[in-house]
Amino acid sequence: MKTYLECIPCFMKQALFAAREATGDEGTIKRVLDAVARQIPDIPFDCPPPKTARHIYGAVRDITGVSDPFRRLKKESVRLALGHYERMKAAVAASDDPLRTAALVAIAGNVIDFGAHQRFDLEAEMDSVLGKPLAIDHYESFRRRVGEAGTILFLGDNAGETVFDRILIETMGKRTFYAVRDIPIINDATVEDAEESGIGHSARILSSGCDAPGTILERCSPEFLELFRSADVIISKGQGNLECLSEVEGPIFFLLKVKCPVITRHLGARKGGLVLMDARRRLQSGHEPGVDAEPATVVGMKP
């Protein structure tokens, strides 16, 4: 996915928010914004936004001296999410279709995103999700592929939503690897954040090796890339991972909440919509999102 003009004010907004979380010194914050502004003329529009975002957050770290400006917010979001864990776990267990309900819960957890929105209502999101239709609904393909899978690679996104990803992983009951960011960036989950959510009880946590708010394959570790090539199913959470992997072939399912007009335009799904999309159906079938079609086999990947 490419970068668009609408992404530029978003980069500046993220830089300001991150700098304010790192320091209260207005002069330092101004230096961060100046540094980010100087990068704007050189932004590559043929690259996904997370490639630029890694430089922006690098400027925040270098100028403020704070390596993890969202550390407090991440811990708070994990704490808040854990407060909903038992209730949502019970809702999944009582559902007529536990896997679908668990997927909805995991997607709803994607609302916890300080990169896209600094304010969100997690309780309202959890209360509304069970009866909410999917804007892009490839659940039957997802159910079938998960049922057949031996190994699942789960690409995590934000720290708090790892709690709801945990519910989906427990419901699937498959051998699962849970990949997170290599270093702190925005409120994306690192190994430490994923461990705090308890996800290590149901999946093996590993770093992707990537230092961006999305899975940029050329920046990932050899261990991660081997899993990416060999996994029967890849579950990709959030907009950042979609932005980096939308043109990558493989057995990928994108689970996210649509939060910006660029993603709305890219997917053809309304803002605020919940998405469960089989990447291969979009890339290879020629059908619009939401239209049933059998997924095609991808050369070099698991069929």
Protein backbone atom coordinates (compact mmCIF):
# COMPACT_ATOMS: atom_id res chain seq x y z
CA MET A 1 0.00 0.00 0.00
CA LYS A 2 1.24 3.49 -0.84
CA THR A 3 1.45 6.67 1.22
CA TYR A 4 -1.05 9.41 0.40
CA LEU A 5 -1.23 13.16 1.03
CA GLU A 6 -3.72 12.54 3.83
CA CYS A 7 -0.96 10.67 5.68
CA ILE A 8 1.20 13.80 6.08
CA PRO A 9 -0.93 15.65 8.68
CA CYS A 10 -1.35 12.30 10.44
CA PHE A 11 2.45 11.97 10.72
CA MET A 12 2.66 15.44 12.28
CA LYS A 13 -0.21 14.68 14.68
CA GLN A 14 1.48 11.45 15.79
CA ALA A 15 4.79 13.24 16.29
CA LEU A 16 3.16 15.89 18.48
CA PHE A 17 1.30 13.34 20.60
CA ALA A 18 4.38 11.14 21.05
CA ALA A 19 6.58 14.12 21.93
CA ARG A 20 4.08 15.33 24.53
CA GLU A 21 4.02 11.87 26.09
CA ALA A 22 7.83 11.90 26.22
CA THR A 23 8.35 15.39 27.67
CA GLY A 24 6.59 18.47 28.93
CA ASP A 25 9.28 20.79 27.60
CA GLU A 26 7.75 22.88 24.82
CA GLY A 27 11.14 23.68 23.28
CA THR A 28 11.99 20.00 22.94
CA ILE A 29 8.57 19.25 21.47
CA LYS A 30 9.08 22.05 18.94
CA ARG A 31 12.43 20.55 17.94
CA VAL A 32 10.72 17.20 17.33
CA LEU A 33 8.12 18.83 15.09
CA ASP A 34 10.81 20.77 13.23
CA ALA A 35 12.75 17.56 12.62
CA VAL A 36 9.66 15.75 11.34
CA ALA A 37 8.69 18.69 9.14
CA ARG A 38 12.11 18.58 7.49
CA GLN A 39 11.41 14.95 6.51
CA ILE A 40 8.17 15.75 4.68
CA PRO A 41 9.71 16.76 1.32
CA ASP A 42 11.49 13.40 1.17
CA ILE A 43 8.55 11.16 2.09
CA PRO A 44 8.41 8.30 -0.46
CA PHE A 45 4.83 8.03 -1.67
CA ASP A 46 5.48 4.63 -3.24
CA CYS A 47 6.13 3.09 0.21
CA PRO A 48 3.68 2.15 2.99
CA PRO A 49 3.21 4.71 5.79
CA PRO A 50 4.96 2.59 8.49
CA LYS A 51 8.26 3.01 6.61
CA THR A 52 8.04 6.77 7.17
CA ALA A 53 6.64 6.39 10.69
CA ARG A 54 9.74 4.56 11.89
CA HIS A 55 11.82 7.66 11.04
CA ILE A 56 9.33 9.93 12.79
CA TYR A 57 9.43 7.95 16.00
CA GLY A 58 13.20 7.70 15.67
CA ALA A 59 13.27 11.51 15.78
CA VAL A 60 11.09 11.48 18.90
CA ARG A 61 13.48 9.04 20.62
CA ASP A 62 16.64 10.86 19.55
CA ILE A 63 15.49 14.37 20.51
CA THR A 64 13.62 13.61 23.74
CA GLY A 65 15.94 10.83 24.93
CA VAL A 66 12.86 8.71 25.77
CA SER A 67 12.91 5.30 24.09
CA ASP A 68 9.31 4.34 24.94
CA PRO A 69 7.10 7.45 25.27
CA PHE A 70 3.92 5.35 25.32
CA ARG A 71 5.07 2.99 28.08
CA ARG A 72 2.55 4.34 30.63
CA LEU A 73 -0.31 4.28 28.14
CA LYS A 74 0.54 0.75 27.02
CA LYS A 75 0.51 -0.57 30.56
CA GLU A 76 -2.78 1.18 31.23
CA SER A 77 -4.36 -0.21 28.06
CA VAL A 78 -3.28 -3.76 28.97
CA ARG A 79 -4.73 -3.27 32.45
CA LEU A 80 -8.02 -2.00 31.02
CA ALA A 81 -8.22 -4.85 28.53
CA LEU A 82 -7.53 -7.47 31.18
CA GLY A 83 -10.52 -6.07 33.07
CA HIS A 84 -12.71 -7.22 30.15
CA TYR A 85 -11.02 -10.57 29.60
CA GLU A 86 -13.26 -12.83 31.72
CA ARG A 87 -16.48 -11.21 30.46
CA MET A 88 -15.52 -11.51 26.80
CA LYS A 89 -14.15 -15.02 27.30
CA ALA A 90 -17.53 -16.03 28.77
CA ALA A 91 -19.37 -14.39 25.85
CA VAL A 92 -17.28 -16.41 23.41
CA ALA A 93 -17.94 -19.65 25.29
CA ALA A 94 -21.70 -19.01 25.33
CA SER A 95 -21.84 -18.12 21.63
CA ASP A 96 -23.40 -20.33 18.96
CA ASP A 97 -20.19 -19.82 16.96
CA PRO A 98 -17.28 -19.28 19.40
CA LEU A 99 -14.65 -18.82 16.67
CA ARG A 100 -16.60 -16.06 14.93
CA THR A 101 -17.32 -14.33 18.22
CA ALA A 102 -13.67 -14.57 19.27
CA ALA A 103 -12.62 -13.07 15.93
CA LEU A 104 -15.09 -10.19 16.45
CA VAL A 105 -13.70 -9.58 19.93
CA ALA A 106 -10.13 -9.54 18.60
CA ILE A 107 -11.07 -7.11 15.83
CA ALA A 108 -12.91 -4.82 18.26
CA GLY A 109 -9.77 -4.71 20.40
CA ASN A 110 -8.07 -2.95 17.50
CA VAL A 111 -9.81 0.24 18.69
CA ILE A 112 -6.89 0.64 21.15
CA ASP A 113 -4.69 2.72 18.88
CA PHE A 114 -2.89 5.87 20.01
CA GLY A 115 -1.44 6.28 16.53
CA ALA A 116 -4.84 6.73 14.87
CA HIS A 117 -6.97 7.92 17.81
CA GLN A 118 -5.87 9.24 21.17
CA ARG A 119 -9.36 8.71 22.62
CA PHE A 120 -11.45 5.58 22.47
CA ASP A 121 -14.19 3.89 24.50
CA LEU A 122 -13.08 0.30 25.02
CA GLU A 123 -16.09 -0.66 27.14
CA ALA A 124 -18.56 0.64 24.55
CA GLU A 125 -16.67 -1.13 21.78
CA MET A 126 -16.74 -4.46 23.64
CA ASP A 127 -20.43 -4.06 24.48
CA SER A 128 -21.41 -3.39 20.87
CA VAL A 129 -19.23 -5.88 19.00
CA LEU A 130 -21.20 -9.09 19.51
CA GLY A 131 -24.14 -7.95 17.43
CA LYS A 132 -22.15 -5.98 14.87
CA PRO A 133 -21.85 -7.20 11.26
CA LEU A 134 -18.48 -7.26 9.51
CA ALA A 135 -17.89 -4.63 6.83
CA ILE A 136 -15.79 -7.18 4.95
CA ASP A 137 -16.81 -10.70 5.88
CA HIS A 138 -14.60 -13.59 4.78
CA TYR A 139 -15.32 -15.57 7.93
CA GLU A 140 -16.20 -18.85 6.21
CA SER A 141 -12.84 -18.87 4.47
CA PHE A 142 -11.18 -18.01 7.80
CA ARG A 143 -13.02 -20.79 9.64
CA ARG A 144 -12.08 -23.35 7.03
CA ARG A 145 -8.41 -22.34 6.87
CA VAL A 146 -8.01 -22.21 10.65
CA GLY A 147 -9.64 -25.63 10.98
CA GLU A 148 -7.15 -27.12 8.52
CA ALA A 149 -4.09 -25.31 9.90
CA GLY A 150 -1.25 -26.95 11.76
CA THR A 151 0.68 -23.76 12.50
CA ILE A 152 -0.61 -20.18 12.74
CA LEU A 153 1.51 -17.03 12.71
CA PHE A 154 -0.33 -14.18 14.44
CA LEU A 155 0.99 -10.65 13.78
CA GLY A 156 0.16 -8.52 16.80
CA ASP A 157 -0.52 -4.80 16.72
CA ASN A 158 -1.28 -2.61 19.73
CA ALA A 159 -0.39 -3.52 23.31
CA GLY A 160 -3.86 -3.58 24.87
CA GLU A 161 -5.48 -5.58 22.12
CA THR A 162 -3.11 -8.48 22.79
CA VAL A 163 -5.54 -9.44 25.56
CA PHE A 164 -8.34 -9.93 23.00
CA ASP A 165 -5.98 -11.64 20.55
CA ARG A 166 -5.33 -14.08 23.40
CA ILE A 167 -9.03 -14.98 23.45
CA LEU A 168 -8.98 -15.73 19.73
CA ILE A 169 -5.81 -17.83 20.05
CA GLU A 170 -7.30 -19.82 22.93
CA THR A 171 -10.49 -20.39 20.93
CA MET A 172 -8.61 -21.57 17.83
CA GLY A 173 -6.62 -24.09 19.87
CA LYS A 174 -3.82 -24.27 17.31
CA ARG A 175 -0.03 -24.14 17.52
CA THR A 176 0.45 -20.37 17.33
CA PHE A 177 3.39 -17.99 17.15
CA TYR A 178 2.63 -14.42 18.23
CA ALA A 179 4.91 -11.84 16.59
CA VAL A 180 5.39 -8.35 18.02
CA ARG A 181 7.57 -5.30 17.30
CA ASP A 182 11.30 -5.47 17.98
CA ILE A 183 11.46 -2.11 19.83
CA PRO A 184 8.86 0.26 21.29
CA ILE A 185 7.08 2.34 18.63
CA ILE A 186 3.75 4.12 19.19
CA ASN A 187 1.72 1.82 21.48
CA ASP A 188 2.50 -1.28 19.43
CA ALA A 189 3.16 -4.41 21.46
CA THR A 190 6.68 -5.59 22.25
CA VAL A 191 7.57 -8.93 23.85
CA GLU A 192 7.21 -7.35 27.32
CA ASP A 193 3.74 -5.99 26.53
CA ALA A 194 2.53 -9.32 25.13
CA GLU A 195 3.81 -11.16 28.19
CA GLU A 196 1.87 -8.81 30.48
CA SER A 197 -1.36 -9.73 28.68
CA GLY A 198 -0.84 -13.43 29.45
CA ILE A 199 -0.71 -14.39 25.80
CA GLY A 200 2.40 -16.47 26.45
CA HIS A 201 0.19 -19.15 28.05
CA SER A 202 -1.39 -19.95 24.67
CA ALA A 203 1.22 -18.91 22.07
CA ARG A 204 4.95 -18.56 21.66
CA ILE A 205 5.82 -14.85 21.68
CA LEU A 206 8.61 -13.65 19.42
CA SER A 207 9.91 -10.39 17.97
CA SER A 208 9.45 -9.92 14.24
CA GLY A 209 12.75 -8.06 14.23
CA CYS A 210 11.00 -5.04 12.71
CA ASP A 211 11.31 -1.56 14.23
CA ALA A 212 8.32 -0.01 12.41
CA PRO A 213 4.60 0.18 13.30
CA GLY A 214 3.89 -2.49 10.69
CA THR A 215 5.46 -5.68 9.37
CA ILE A 216 8.03 -4.55 6.79
CA LEU A 217 9.33 -7.91 5.60
CA GLU A 218 12.78 -6.67 4.51
CA ARG A 219 13.37 -5.44 8.07
CA CYS A 220 12.28 -8.67 9.77
CA SER A 221 14.50 -11.34 11.29
CA PRO A 222 15.40 -14.62 9.50
CA GLU A 223 13.50 -16.58 12.19
CA PHE A 224 10.36 -14.56 11.58
CA LEU A 225 10.65 -14.80 7.80
CA GLU A 226 10.95 -18.58 8.02
CA LEU A 227 7.71 -18.70 10.01
CA PHE A 228 6.08 -16.29 7.56
CA ARG A 229 6.95 -18.60 4.67
CA SER A 230 5.93 -21.83 6.39
CA ALA A 231 2.81 -20.95 8.42
CA ASP A 232 -0.47 -22.47 7.25
CA VAL A 233 -2.37 -19.32 8.25
CA ILE A 234 -1.14 -15.78 8.95
CA ILE A 235 -3.42 -13.54 11.00
CA SER A 236 -2.50 -9.89 10.54
CA LYS A 237 -3.94 -7.40 13.04
CA GLY A 238 -4.36 -3.68 12.47
CA GLN A 239 -3.91 -1.00 9.85
CA GLY A 240 -0.11 -0.85 10.03
CA ASN A 241 0.27 -4.51 9.15
CA LEU A 242 -2.30 -4.15 6.37
CA GLU A 243 -0.42 -1.18 4.93
CA CYS A 244 2.79 -3.22 4.76
CA LEU A 245 1.34 -6.55 3.62
CA SER A 246 -1.62 -5.63 1.40
CA GLU A 247 0.28 -6.61 -1.75
CA VAL A 248 2.09 -9.63 -0.29
CA GLU A 249 0.97 -13.05 -1.46
CA GLY A 250 0.28 -15.67 1.15
CA PRO A 251 -2.38 -17.26 3.40
CA ILE A 252 -3.02 -13.93 5.17
CA PHE A 253 -6.19 -12.82 6.92
CA PHE A 254 -6.43 -9.13 7.82
CA LEU A 255 -8.34 -8.35 11.02
CA LEU A 256 -8.80 -4.66 11.82
CA LYS A 257 -11.07 -1.74 12.49
CA VAL A 258 -11.09 0.90 9.73
CA LYS A 259 -9.90 4.16 11.29
CA CYS A 260 -8.94 6.55 8.50
CA PRO A 261 -10.15 7.70 5.05
CA VAL A 262 -7.10 6.21 3.30
CA ILE A 263 -7.96 2.70 4.55
CA THR A 264 -11.63 3.34 3.78
CA ARG A 265 -10.73 4.11 0.18
CA HIS A 266 -8.24 1.23 -0.08
CA LEU A 267 -10.63 -1.44 1.21
CA GLY A 268 -13.97 0.00 0.13
CA ALA A 269 -15.18 -0.33 3.73
CA ARG A 270 -16.71 2.46 5.79
CA LYS A 271 -14.79 4.18 8.58
CA GLY A 272 -15.44 2.35 11.84
CA GLY A 273 -16.16 -0.91 10.01
CA LEU A 274 -14.84 -4.22 11.27
CA VAL A 275 -12.88 -6.22 8.72
CA LEU A 276 -12.03 -9.91 8.41
CA MET A 277 -10.52 -10.23 4.94
CA ASP A 278 -8.89 -13.11 3.12
CA ALA A 279 -5.99 -11.40 1.32
CA ARG A 280 -5.86 -13.97 -1.46
CA ARG A 281 -9.47 -13.40 -2.42
CA ARG A 282 -8.82 -9.70 -2.83
CA LEU A 283 -5.49 -10.05 -4.62
CA GLN A 284 -6.24 -12.92 -6.97
CA SER A 285 -9.96 -13.54 -7.43
CA GLY A 286 -10.83 -10.18 -8.95
CA HIS A 287 -13.91 -9.97 -6.69
CA GLU A 288 -14.77 -7.00 -4.54
CA PRO A 289 -14.45 -7.38 -0.73
CA GLY A 290 -17.28 -9.34 0.82
CA VAL A 291 -18.14 -11.36 -2.30
CA ASP A 292 -17.80 -15.10 -1.84
CA ALA A 293 -15.12 -16.81 -3.93
CA GLU A 294 -12.84 -19.72 -3.30
CA PRO A 295 -9.31 -18.57 -2.38
CA ALA A 296 -6.63 -19.25 -4.98
CA THR A 297 -3.41 -21.14 -4.37
CA VAL A 298 -0.33 -18.92 -4.03
CA VAL A 299 2.90 -20.14 -5.58
CA GLY A 300 5.64 -20.66 -3.01
CA MET A 301 3.30 -20.51 -0.03
CA LYS A 302 1.13 -23.03 1.77
CA PRO A 303 -1.90 -23.81 -0.45
